[in-house]
All heavy atoms as atom14 arrays in JSON, in Angstrom:
{
  "sequence": "VRFIELMPIGYGREFEAVYNEELLEKLQALCPDLEPDERVHGNGP",
  "atom14_mask": [
    [1, 1, 1, 1, 1, 1, 1, 0, 0, 0, 0, 0, 0, 0],
    [1, 1, 1, 1, 1, 1, 1, 1, 1, 1, 1, 0, 0, 0],
    [1, 1, 1, 1, 1, 1, 1, 1, 1, 1, 1, 0, 0, 0],
    [1, 1, 1, 1, 1, 1, 1, 1, 0, 0, 0, 0, 0, 0],
    [1, 1, 1, 1, 1, 1, 1, 1, 1, 0, 0, 0, 0, 0],
    [1, 1, 1, 1, 1, 1, 1, 1, 0, 0, 0, 0, 0, 0],
    [1, 1, 1, 1, 1, 1, 1, 1, 0, 0, 0, 0, 0, 0],
    [1, 1, 1, 1, 1, 1, 1, 0, 0, 0, 0, 0, 0, 0],
    [1, 1, 1, 1, 1, 1, 1, 1, 0, 0, 0, 0, 0, 0],
    [1, 1, 1, 1, 0, 0, 0, 0, 0, 0, 0, 0, 0, 0],
    [1, 1, 1, 1, 1, 1, 1, 1, 1, 1, 1, 1, 0, 0],
    [1, 1, 1, 1, 0, 0, 0, 0, 0, 0, 0, 0, 0, 0],
    [1, 1, 1, 1, 1, 1, 1, 1, 1, 1, 1, 0, 0, 0],
    [1, 1, 1, 1, 1, 1, 1, 1, 1, 0, 0, 0, 0, 0],
    [1, 1, 1, 1, 1, 1, 1, 1, 1, 1, 1, 0, 0, 0],
    [1, 1, 1, 1, 1, 1, 1, 1, 1, 0, 0, 0, 0, 0],
    [1, 1, 1, 1, 1, 0, 0, 0, 0, 0, 0, 0, 0, 0],
    [1, 1, 1, 1, 1, 1, 1, 0, 0, 0, 0, 0, 0, 0],
    [1, 1, 1, 1, 1, 1, 1, 1, 1, 1, 1, 1, 0, 0],
    [1, 1, 1, 1, 1, 1, 1, 1, 0, 0, 0, 0, 0, 0],
    [1, 1, 1, 1, 1, 1, 1, 1, 1, 0, 0, 0, 0, 0],
    [1, 1, 1, 1, 1, 1, 1, 1, 1, 0, 0, 0, 0, 0],
    [1, 1, 1, 1, 1, 1, 1, 1, 0, 0, 0, 0, 0, 0],
    [1, 1, 1, 1, 1, 1, 1, 1, 0, 0, 0, 0, 0, 0],
    [1, 1, 1, 1, 1, 1, 1, 1, 1, 0, 0, 0, 0, 0],
    [1, 1, 1, 1, 1, 1, 1, 1, 1, 0, 0, 0, 0, 0],
    [1, 1, 1, 1, 1, 1, 1, 1, 0, 0, 0, 0, 0, 0],
    [1, 1, 1, 1, 1, 1, 1, 1, 1, 0, 0, 0, 0, 0],
    [1, 1, 1, 1, 1, 0, 0, 0, 0, 0, 0, 0, 0, 0],
    [1, 1, 1, 1, 1, 1, 1, 1, 0, 0, 0, 0, 0, 0],
    [1, 1, 1, 1, 1, 1, 0, 0, 0, 0, 0, 0, 0, 0],
    [1, 1, 1, 1, 1, 1, 1, 0, 0, 0, 0, 0, 0, 0],
    [1, 1, 1, 1, 1, 1, 1, 1, 0, 0, 0, 0, 0, 0],
    [1, 1, 1, 1, 1, 1, 1, 1, 0, 0, 0, 0, 0, 0],
    [1, 1, 1, 1, 1, 1, 1, 1, 1, 0, 0, 0, 0, 0],
    [1, 1, 1, 1, 1, 1, 1, 0, 0, 0, 0, 0, 0, 0],
    [1, 1, 1, 1, 1, 1, 1, 1, 0, 0, 0, 0, 0, 0],
    [1, 1, 1, 1, 1, 1, 1, 1, 1, 0, 0, 0, 0, 0],
    [1, 1, 1, 1, 1, 1, 1, 1, 1, 1, 1, 0, 0, 0],
    [1, 1, 1, 1, 1, 1, 1, 0, 0, 0, 0, 0, 0, 0],
    [1, 1, 1, 1, 1, 1, 1, 1, 1, 1, 0, 0, 0, 0],
    [1, 1, 1, 1, 0, 0, 0, 0, 0, 0, 0, 0, 0, 0],
    [1, 1, 1, 1, 1, 1, 1, 1, 0, 0, 0, 0, 0, 0],
    [1, 1, 1, 1, 0, 0, 0, 0, 0, 0, 0, 0, 0, 0],
    [1, 1, 1, 1, 1, 1, 1, 0, 0, 0, 0, 0, 0, 0]
  ],
  "atom14_positions": [
    [[-9.8, 70.58, 150.31], [-9.23, 69.31, 149.82], [-10.3, 68.27, 149.46], [-11.07, 67.95, 150.31], [-8.22, 68.81, 150.88], [-7.63, 67.36, 150.19], [-7.03, 69.66, 151.17], [0.0, 0.0, 0.0], [0.0, 0.0, 0.0], [0.0, 0.0, 0.0], [0.0, 0.0, 0.0], [0.0, 0.0, 0.0], [0.0, 0.0, 0.0], [0.0, 0.0, 0.0]],
    [[-10.46, 68.0, 148.17], [-11.55, 67.29, 147.75], [-10.9, 65.9, 147.21], [-10.07, 65.86, 146.33], [-12.29, 67.8, 146.58], [-13.11, 69.01, 146.99], [-12.55, 70.25, 146.36], [-12.47, 70.15, 144.85], [-13.51, 70.36, 144.11], [-14.67, 70.8, 144.54], [-13.47, 70.21, 142.82], [0.0, 0.0, 0.0], [0.0, 0.0, 0.0], [0.0, 0.0, 0.0]],
    [[-11.48, 64.74, 147.69], [-11.13, 63.58, 147.21], [-12.08, 62.97, 146.16], [-13.26, 62.9, 146.33], [-11.16, 62.43, 148.28], [-10.03, 62.79, 149.29], [-10.34, 63.45, 150.42], [-8.68, 62.44, 149.11], [-9.35, 63.83, 151.4], [-7.68, 62.81, 150.0], [-7.95, 63.51, 151.09], [0.0, 0.0, 0.0], [0.0, 0.0, 0.0], [0.0, 0.0, 0.0]],
    [[-11.62, 62.76, 144.81], [-12.4, 62.47, 143.7], [-12.12, 61.02, 143.43], [-11.0, 60.56, 143.16], [-11.95, 63.26, 142.51], [-12.23, 64.81, 142.92], [-12.85, 62.9, 141.34], [-11.69, 65.78, 141.78], [0.0, 0.0, 0.0], [0.0, 0.0, 0.0], [0.0, 0.0, 0.0], [0.0, 0.0, 0.0], [0.0, 0.0, 0.0], [0.0, 0.0, 0.0]],
    [[-13.23, 60.24, 143.32], [-13.15, 58.82, 142.97], [-12.73, 58.68, 141.55], [-13.29, 59.31, 140.66], [-14.48, 58.09, 143.23], [-14.86, 57.91, 144.59], [-16.13, 57.16, 144.84], [-16.97, 57.09, 144.01], [-16.3, 56.61, 145.9], [0.0, 0.0, 0.0], [0.0, 0.0, 0.0], [0.0, 0.0, 0.0], [0.0, 0.0, 0.0], [0.0, 0.0, 0.0]],
    [[-11.68, 57.92, 141.31], [-11.18, 57.64, 140.0], [-12.32, 56.95, 139.14], [-12.85, 55.89, 139.5], [-9.94, 56.67, 140.0], [-9.31, 56.26, 138.67], [-8.74, 57.62, 137.98], [-8.17, 55.27, 138.9], [0.0, 0.0, 0.0], [0.0, 0.0, 0.0], [0.0, 0.0, 0.0], [0.0, 0.0, 0.0], [0.0, 0.0, 0.0], [0.0, 0.0, 0.0]],
    [[-12.62, 57.45, 138.02], [-13.79, 57.1, 137.17], [-13.19, 56.16, 136.01], [-11.9, 56.33, 135.58], [-14.53, 58.18, 136.48], [-15.32, 58.96, 137.51], [-16.24, 60.32, 136.73], [-14.86, 61.61, 136.71], [0.0, 0.0, 0.0], [0.0, 0.0, 0.0], [0.0, 0.0, 0.0], [0.0, 0.0, 0.0], [0.0, 0.0, 0.0], [0.0, 0.0, 0.0]],
    [[-13.99, 55.16, 135.68], [-13.45, 54.2, 134.7], [-13.71, 54.79, 133.21], [-14.33, 54.28, 132.27], [-14.43, 52.98, 134.82], [-15.75, 53.63, 135.36], [-15.32, 54.79, 136.09], [0.0, 0.0, 0.0], [0.0, 0.0, 0.0], [0.0, 0.0, 0.0], [0.0, 0.0, 0.0], [0.0, 0.0, 0.0], [0.0, 0.0, 0.0], [0.0, 0.0, 0.0]],
    [[-12.9, 55.81, 132.91], [-12.91, 56.51, 131.56], [-11.44, 56.58, 131.12], [-10.49, 56.84, 131.88], [-13.39, 58.01, 131.67], [-14.89, 57.97, 132.2], [-13.28, 58.69, 130.42], [-15.47, 59.34, 132.29], [0.0, 0.0, 0.0], [0.0, 0.0, 0.0], [0.0, 0.0, 0.0], [0.0, 0.0, 0.0], [0.0, 0.0, 0.0], [0.0, 0.0, 0.0]],
    [[-11.21, 56.09, 129.95], [-9.91, 56.0, 129.24], [-9.01, 55.24, 130.13], [-9.27, 54.14, 130.53], [0.0, 0.0, 0.0], [0.0, 0.0, 0.0], [0.0, 0.0, 0.0], [0.0, 0.0, 0.0], [0.0, 0.0, 0.0], [0.0, 0.0, 0.0], [0.0, 0.0, 0.0], [0.0, 0.0, 0.0], [0.0, 0.0, 0.0], [0.0, 0.0, 0.0]],
    [[-7.86, 55.8, 130.36], [-6.78, 55.02, 131.11], [-7.18, 54.81, 132.6], [-6.62, 53.91, 133.26], [-5.47, 55.73, 131.03], [-4.97, 56.0, 129.65], [-5.09, 57.15, 129.04], [-4.46, 54.79, 128.98], [-4.55, 57.33, 127.76], [-3.89, 55.04, 127.69], [-4.09, 56.36, 127.04], [-3.53, 56.43, 125.81], [0.0, 0.0, 0.0], [0.0, 0.0, 0.0]],
    [[-8.22, 55.39, 133.09], [-8.74, 55.23, 134.45], [-9.16, 53.79, 134.68], [-9.25, 53.39, 135.82], [0.0, 0.0, 0.0], [0.0, 0.0, 0.0], [0.0, 0.0, 0.0], [0.0, 0.0, 0.0], [0.0, 0.0, 0.0], [0.0, 0.0, 0.0], [0.0, 0.0, 0.0], [0.0, 0.0, 0.0], [0.0, 0.0, 0.0], [0.0, 0.0, 0.0]],
    [[-9.59, 53.14, 133.68], [-10.16, 51.77, 133.8], [-8.95, 50.88, 134.18], [-9.41, 49.79, 134.8], [-10.55, 51.3, 132.36], [-11.91, 51.96, 131.83], [-12.18, 51.57, 130.49], [-13.47, 52.17, 130.0], [-14.59, 51.48, 129.95], [-14.66, 50.28, 130.3], [-15.67, 52.14, 129.4], [0.0, 0.0, 0.0], [0.0, 0.0, 0.0], [0.0, 0.0, 0.0]],
    [[-7.77, 51.2, 133.99], [-6.66, 50.27, 134.33], [-6.22, 50.32, 135.73], [-5.3, 49.46, 136.16], [-5.5, 50.61, 133.45], [-5.87, 50.56, 131.86], [-4.75, 51.03, 131.0], [-3.51, 51.07, 131.54], [-4.93, 51.28, 129.82], [0.0, 0.0, 0.0], [0.0, 0.0, 0.0], [0.0, 0.0, 0.0], [0.0, 0.0, 0.0], [0.0, 0.0, 0.0]],
    [[-6.75, 51.16, 136.53], [-6.27, 51.36, 138.01], [-7.3, 51.2, 138.98], [-8.52, 51.3, 138.6], [-5.65, 52.74, 138.17], [-4.49, 52.89, 137.19], [-4.75, 53.64, 135.93], [-3.26, 52.45, 137.3], [-3.71, 53.88, 135.05], [-2.2, 52.63, 136.48], [-2.45, 53.43, 135.31], [0.0, 0.0, 0.0], [0.0, 0.0, 0.0], [0.0, 0.0, 0.0]],
    [[-6.91, 50.68, 140.2], [-7.91, 50.36, 141.26], [-8.17, 51.69, 142.11], [-7.15, 52.13, 142.84], [-7.5, 49.26, 142.11], [-8.48, 48.85, 143.1], [-7.94, 47.56, 143.86], [-6.88, 47.02, 143.59], [-8.76, 47.06, 144.73], [0.0, 0.0, 0.0], [0.0, 0.0, 0.0], [0.0, 0.0, 0.0], [0.0, 0.0, 0.0], [0.0, 0.0, 0.0]],
    [[-9.22, 52.11, 142.18], [-9.69, 53.3, 142.86], [-9.77, 53.11, 144.42], [-9.98, 51.95, 144.75], [-10.95, 54.03, 142.29], [0.0, 0.0, 0.0], [0.0, 0.0, 0.0], [0.0, 0.0, 0.0], [0.0, 0.0, 0.0], [0.0, 0.0, 0.0], [0.0, 0.0, 0.0], [0.0, 0.0, 0.0], [0.0, 0.0, 0.0], [0.0, 0.0, 0.0]],
    [[-9.79, 54.12, 145.15], [-10.18, 54.2, 146.46], [-11.46, 54.84, 146.63], [-11.56, 56.05, 146.07], [-9.08, 54.84, 147.45], [-9.57, 54.99, 148.83], [-7.77, 54.11, 147.31], [0.0, 0.0, 0.0], [0.0, 0.0, 0.0], [0.0, 0.0, 0.0], [0.0, 0.0, 0.0], [0.0, 0.0, 0.0], [0.0, 0.0, 0.0], [0.0, 0.0, 0.0]],
    [[-12.59, 54.26, 147.2], [-13.79, 54.78, 147.2], [-14.04, 55.63, 148.55], [-13.58, 55.28, 149.57], [-14.81, 53.74, 147.07], [-14.72, 52.99, 145.68], [-14.63, 51.62, 145.68], [-14.72, 53.75, 144.59], [-14.54, 50.87, 144.41], [-14.62, 53.06, 143.3], [-14.49, 51.67, 143.21], [-14.34, 50.97, 142.08], [0.0, 0.0, 0.0], [0.0, 0.0, 0.0]],
    [[-14.83, 56.65, 148.27], [-14.97, 57.65, 149.29], [-15.67, 57.23, 150.55], [-15.52, 57.7, 151.73], [-15.64, 58.91, 148.76], [-14.65, 59.8, 147.96], [-13.42, 59.67, 148.1], [-15.2, 60.6, 147.04], [0.0, 0.0, 0.0], [0.0, 0.0, 0.0], [0.0, 0.0, 0.0], [0.0, 0.0, 0.0], [0.0, 0.0, 0.0], [0.0, 0.0, 0.0]],
    [[-16.64, 56.24, 150.35], [-17.29, 55.72, 151.57], [-16.38, 55.13, 152.53], [-16.43, 55.18, 153.74], [-18.41, 54.81, 151.17], [-17.91, 53.53, 150.32], [-19.01, 52.68, 149.87], [-20.33, 53.12, 149.92], [-18.79, 51.75, 149.24], [0.0, 0.0, 0.0], [0.0, 0.0, 0.0], [0.0, 0.0, 0.0], [0.0, 0.0, 0.0], [0.0, 0.0, 0.0]],
    [[-15.27, 54.37, 151.94], [-14.3, 53.78, 152.74], [-13.35, 54.91, 153.44], [-13.08, 54.77, 154.56], [-13.45, 52.86, 151.94], [-12.2, 52.33, 152.54], [-11.26, 51.71, 151.55], [-11.74, 51.33, 150.54], [-10.11, 51.5, 151.84], [0.0, 0.0, 0.0], [0.0, 0.0, 0.0], [0.0, 0.0, 0.0], [0.0, 0.0, 0.0], [0.0, 0.0, 0.0]],
    [[-13.16, 55.88, 152.59], [-12.24, 56.89, 153.13], [-12.91, 57.77, 154.14], [-12.31, 58.09, 155.21], [-11.91, 57.78, 151.93], [-10.85, 59.02, 152.24], [-9.65, 58.47, 152.88], [-10.55, 59.87, 150.88], [0.0, 0.0, 0.0], [0.0, 0.0, 0.0], [0.0, 0.0, 0.0], [0.0, 0.0, 0.0], [0.0, 0.0, 0.0], [0.0, 0.0, 0.0]],
    [[-14.21, 57.98, 154.07], [-14.9, 58.7, 155.08], [-15.02, 57.94, 156.37], [-14.94, 58.53, 157.47], [-16.35, 59.07, 154.6], [-17.26, 59.82, 155.56], [-16.54, 61.25, 155.92], [-18.6, 60.11, 154.87], [0.0, 0.0, 0.0], [0.0, 0.0, 0.0], [0.0, 0.0, 0.0], [0.0, 0.0, 0.0], [0.0, 0.0, 0.0], [0.0, 0.0, 0.0]],
    [[-15.28, 56.67, 156.3], [-15.14, 55.82, 157.62], [-13.89, 55.98, 158.3], [-13.78, 56.24, 159.48], [-15.42, 54.4, 157.22], [-16.89, 54.16, 156.86], [-17.03, 52.63, 156.43], [-16.17, 51.84, 156.73], [-18.19, 52.24, 156.09], [0.0, 0.0, 0.0], [0.0, 0.0, 0.0], [0.0, 0.0, 0.0], [0.0, 0.0, 0.0], [0.0, 0.0, 0.0]],
    [[-12.74, 55.94, 157.58], [-11.45, 56.2, 158.07], [-11.32, 57.54, 158.77], [-10.69, 57.63, 159.79], [-10.24, 55.86, 157.2], [-10.39, 54.47, 156.74], [-9.13, 54.26, 155.66], [-8.94, 52.79, 155.18], [-7.92, 52.63, 154.22], [0.0, 0.0, 0.0], [0.0, 0.0, 0.0], [0.0, 0.0, 0.0], [0.0, 0.0, 0.0], [0.0, 0.0, 0.0]],
    [[-11.76, 58.58, 157.95], [-11.57, 59.87, 158.52], [-12.39, 60.11, 159.85], [-11.97, 60.69, 160.91], [-12.09, 60.76, 157.46], [-12.03, 62.36, 157.75], [-10.62, 62.83, 158.14], [-12.57, 63.19, 156.52], [0.0, 0.0, 0.0], [0.0, 0.0, 0.0], [0.0, 0.0, 0.0], [0.0, 0.0, 0.0], [0.0, 0.0, 0.0], [0.0, 0.0, 0.0]],
    [[-13.66, 59.5, 159.78], [-14.52, 59.67, 160.96], [-13.94, 58.91, 162.28], [-14.08, 59.4, 163.34], [-15.88, 59.19, 160.67], [-16.67, 60.13, 159.77], [-17.95, 59.57, 159.28], [-18.12, 58.42, 159.09], [-19.02, 60.45, 159.16], [0.0, 0.0, 0.0], [0.0, 0.0, 0.0], [0.0, 0.0, 0.0], [0.0, 0.0, 0.0], [0.0, 0.0, 0.0]],
    [[-13.22, 57.81, 161.89], [-12.64, 57.14, 163.02], [-11.32, 57.74, 163.55], [-11.24, 57.82, 164.83], [-12.17, 55.63, 162.54], [0.0, 0.0, 0.0], [0.0, 0.0, 0.0], [0.0, 0.0, 0.0], [0.0, 0.0, 0.0], [0.0, 0.0, 0.0], [0.0, 0.0, 0.0], [0.0, 0.0, 0.0], [0.0, 0.0, 0.0], [0.0, 0.0, 0.0]],
    [[-10.55, 58.5, 162.8], [-9.56, 59.27, 163.21], [-9.92, 60.49, 163.82], [-9.29, 61.07, 164.78], [-8.63, 59.55, 161.99], [-7.32, 60.42, 162.17], [-6.31, 59.61, 163.05], [-6.7, 60.78, 160.92], [0.0, 0.0, 0.0], [0.0, 0.0, 0.0], [0.0, 0.0, 0.0], [0.0, 0.0, 0.0], [0.0, 0.0, 0.0], [0.0, 0.0, 0.0]],
    [[-11.03, 61.2, 163.3], [-11.41, 62.54, 163.75], [-12.98, 62.39, 164.16], [-13.84, 62.85, 163.26], [-11.22, 63.5, 162.63], [-9.59, 63.57, 162.08], [0.0, 0.0, 0.0], [0.0, 0.0, 0.0], [0.0, 0.0, 0.0], [0.0, 0.0, 0.0], [0.0, 0.0, 0.0], [0.0, 0.0, 0.0], [0.0, 0.0, 0.0], [0.0, 0.0, 0.0]],
    [[-13.26, 61.9, 165.3], [-14.68, 61.75, 165.61], [-15.44, 63.0, 165.78], [-16.76, 63.14, 165.72], [-14.67, 60.95, 166.94], [-13.27, 61.19, 167.5], [-12.4, 61.22, 166.25], [0.0, 0.0, 0.0], [0.0, 0.0, 0.0], [0.0, 0.0, 0.0], [0.0, 0.0, 0.0], [0.0, 0.0, 0.0], [0.0, 0.0, 0.0], [0.0, 0.0, 0.0]],
    [[-14.76, 64.17, 165.95], [-15.39, 65.46, 166.0], [-15.56, 66.1, 164.65], [-16.02, 67.25, 164.55], [-14.67, 66.38, 166.97], [-13.03, 66.47, 166.52], [-12.65, 65.74, 165.53], [-12.31, 67.22, 167.11], [0.0, 0.0, 0.0], [0.0, 0.0, 0.0], [0.0, 0.0, 0.0], [0.0, 0.0, 0.0], [0.0, 0.0, 0.0], [0.0, 0.0, 0.0]],
    [[-15.42, 65.36, 163.66], [-15.51, 65.82, 162.23], [-17.05, 66.31, 162.02], [-18.01, 65.73, 162.52], [-15.36, 64.8, 161.19], [-15.32, 65.14, 159.7], [-13.99, 65.96, 159.4], [-15.31, 63.79, 158.82], [0.0, 0.0, 0.0], [0.0, 0.0, 0.0], [0.0, 0.0, 0.0], [0.0, 0.0, 0.0], [0.0, 0.0, 0.0], [0.0, 0.0, 0.0]],
    [[-17.18, 67.51, 161.44], [-18.55, 68.17, 161.3], [-18.9, 68.33, 159.85], [-18.15, 68.63, 159.04], [-18.55, 69.48, 161.99], [-17.92, 69.6, 163.37], [-17.74, 71.04, 163.82], [-17.62, 71.93, 162.93], [-17.67, 71.26, 165.08], [0.0, 0.0, 0.0], [0.0, 0.0, 0.0], [0.0, 0.0, 0.0], [0.0, 0.0, 0.0], [0.0, 0.0, 0.0]],
    [[-20.16, 68.01, 159.55], [-20.76, 68.31, 158.16], [-20.64, 69.79, 157.99], [-20.9, 70.57, 158.78], [-22.09, 67.91, 158.25], [-22.3, 66.93, 159.42], [-21.24, 67.4, 160.43], [0.0, 0.0, 0.0], [0.0, 0.0, 0.0], [0.0, 0.0, 0.0], [0.0, 0.0, 0.0], [0.0, 0.0, 0.0], [0.0, 0.0, 0.0], [0.0, 0.0, 0.0]],
    [[-20.29, 70.16, 156.65], [-20.17, 71.5, 156.35], [-21.07, 71.72, 155.19], [-20.91, 71.35, 154.0], [-18.62, 71.85, 155.89], [-18.44, 73.36, 155.48], [-19.47, 73.98, 155.46], [-17.37, 73.65, 155.24], [0.0, 0.0, 0.0], [0.0, 0.0, 0.0], [0.0, 0.0, 0.0], [0.0, 0.0, 0.0], [0.0, 0.0, 0.0], [0.0, 0.0, 0.0]],
    [[-22.18, 72.41, 155.39], [-23.27, 72.56, 154.4], [-23.13, 73.85, 153.62], [-24.16, 74.15, 152.84], [-24.61, 72.37, 155.14], [-24.75, 70.98, 155.68], [-26.22, 70.73, 156.34], [-26.9, 71.75, 156.38], [-26.42, 69.68, 156.76], [0.0, 0.0, 0.0], [0.0, 0.0, 0.0], [0.0, 0.0, 0.0], [0.0, 0.0, 0.0], [0.0, 0.0, 0.0]],
    [[-22.19, 74.63, 153.89], [-21.9, 75.85, 153.11], [-21.75, 75.6, 151.63], [-21.24, 74.46, 151.25], [-20.92, 76.65, 153.68], [-20.96, 77.19, 155.03], [-19.65, 77.81, 155.57], [-18.59, 76.77, 155.56], [-17.3, 77.15, 155.59], [-16.93, 78.35, 155.74], [-16.42, 76.19, 155.62], [0.0, 0.0, 0.0], [0.0, 0.0, 0.0], [0.0, 0.0, 0.0]],
    [[-22.12, 76.44, 150.68], [-21.94, 76.34, 149.37], [-20.38, 76.59, 149.09], [-19.92, 77.67, 149.45], [-22.88, 77.34, 148.53], [-22.41, 77.33, 147.0], [-24.2, 77.05, 148.72], [0.0, 0.0, 0.0], [0.0, 0.0, 0.0], [0.0, 0.0, 0.0], [0.0, 0.0, 0.0], [0.0, 0.0, 0.0], [0.0, 0.0, 0.0], [0.0, 0.0, 0.0]],
    [[-19.7, 75.65, 148.33], [-18.37, 75.7, 148.05], [-18.0, 76.03, 146.58], [-16.82, 76.16, 146.32], [-17.59, 74.54, 148.62], [-17.48, 74.41, 150.05], [-16.32, 74.67, 150.83], [-18.48, 74.18, 151.09], [-16.47, 74.47, 152.05], [-17.77, 74.15, 152.29], [0.0, 0.0, 0.0], [0.0, 0.0, 0.0], [0.0, 0.0, 0.0], [0.0, 0.0, 0.0]],
    [[-19.0, 76.04, 145.88], [-18.79, 76.13, 144.41], [-19.81, 75.55, 143.64], [-21.0, 75.42, 144.01], [0.0, 0.0, 0.0], [0.0, 0.0, 0.0], [0.0, 0.0, 0.0], [0.0, 0.0, 0.0], [0.0, 0.0, 0.0], [0.0, 0.0, 0.0], [0.0, 0.0, 0.0], [0.0, 0.0, 0.0], [0.0, 0.0, 0.0], [0.0, 0.0, 0.0]],
    [[-19.49, 75.06, 142.42], [-20.45, 74.52, 141.48], [-20.59, 73.01, 141.43], [-21.43, 72.45, 140.65], [-20.1, 75.07, 140.11], [-20.12, 76.54, 140.06], [-21.01, 77.25, 140.5], [-19.09, 77.09, 139.42], [0.0, 0.0, 0.0], [0.0, 0.0, 0.0], [0.0, 0.0, 0.0], [0.0, 0.0, 0.0], [0.0, 0.0, 0.0], [0.0, 0.0, 0.0]],
    [[-19.65, 72.37, 142.05], [-19.5, 70.98, 141.92], [-20.33, 70.11, 142.92], [-20.97, 70.81, 143.72], [0.0, 0.0, 0.0], [0.0, 0.0, 0.0], [0.0, 0.0, 0.0], [0.0, 0.0, 0.0], [0.0, 0.0, 0.0], [0.0, 0.0, 0.0], [0.0, 0.0, 0.0], [0.0, 0.0, 0.0], [0.0, 0.0, 0.0], [0.0, 0.0, 0.0]],
    [[-20.3, 68.88, 142.81], [-21.11, 67.93, 143.51], [-20.56, 67.47, 144.94], [-21.06, 66.51, 145.49], [-21.35, 66.79, 142.61], [-20.03, 66.74, 141.89], [-19.51, 68.12, 141.79], [0.0, 0.0, 0.0], [0.0, 0.0, 0.0], [0.0, 0.0, 0.0], [0.0, 0.0, 0.0], [0.0, 0.0, 0.0], [0.0, 0.0, 0.0], [0.0, 0.0, 0.0]]
  ]
}
């Protein structure tokens, strides 16, 4: 499950995004045992 920040392209300029640094903080607070996963999952960033 990948969370993609809404980019200001086309109609995306009209909506307020949720940024991943904020989301990651919430996730780490909820799940303190969260582990980095450094395996290759595909071609994306």
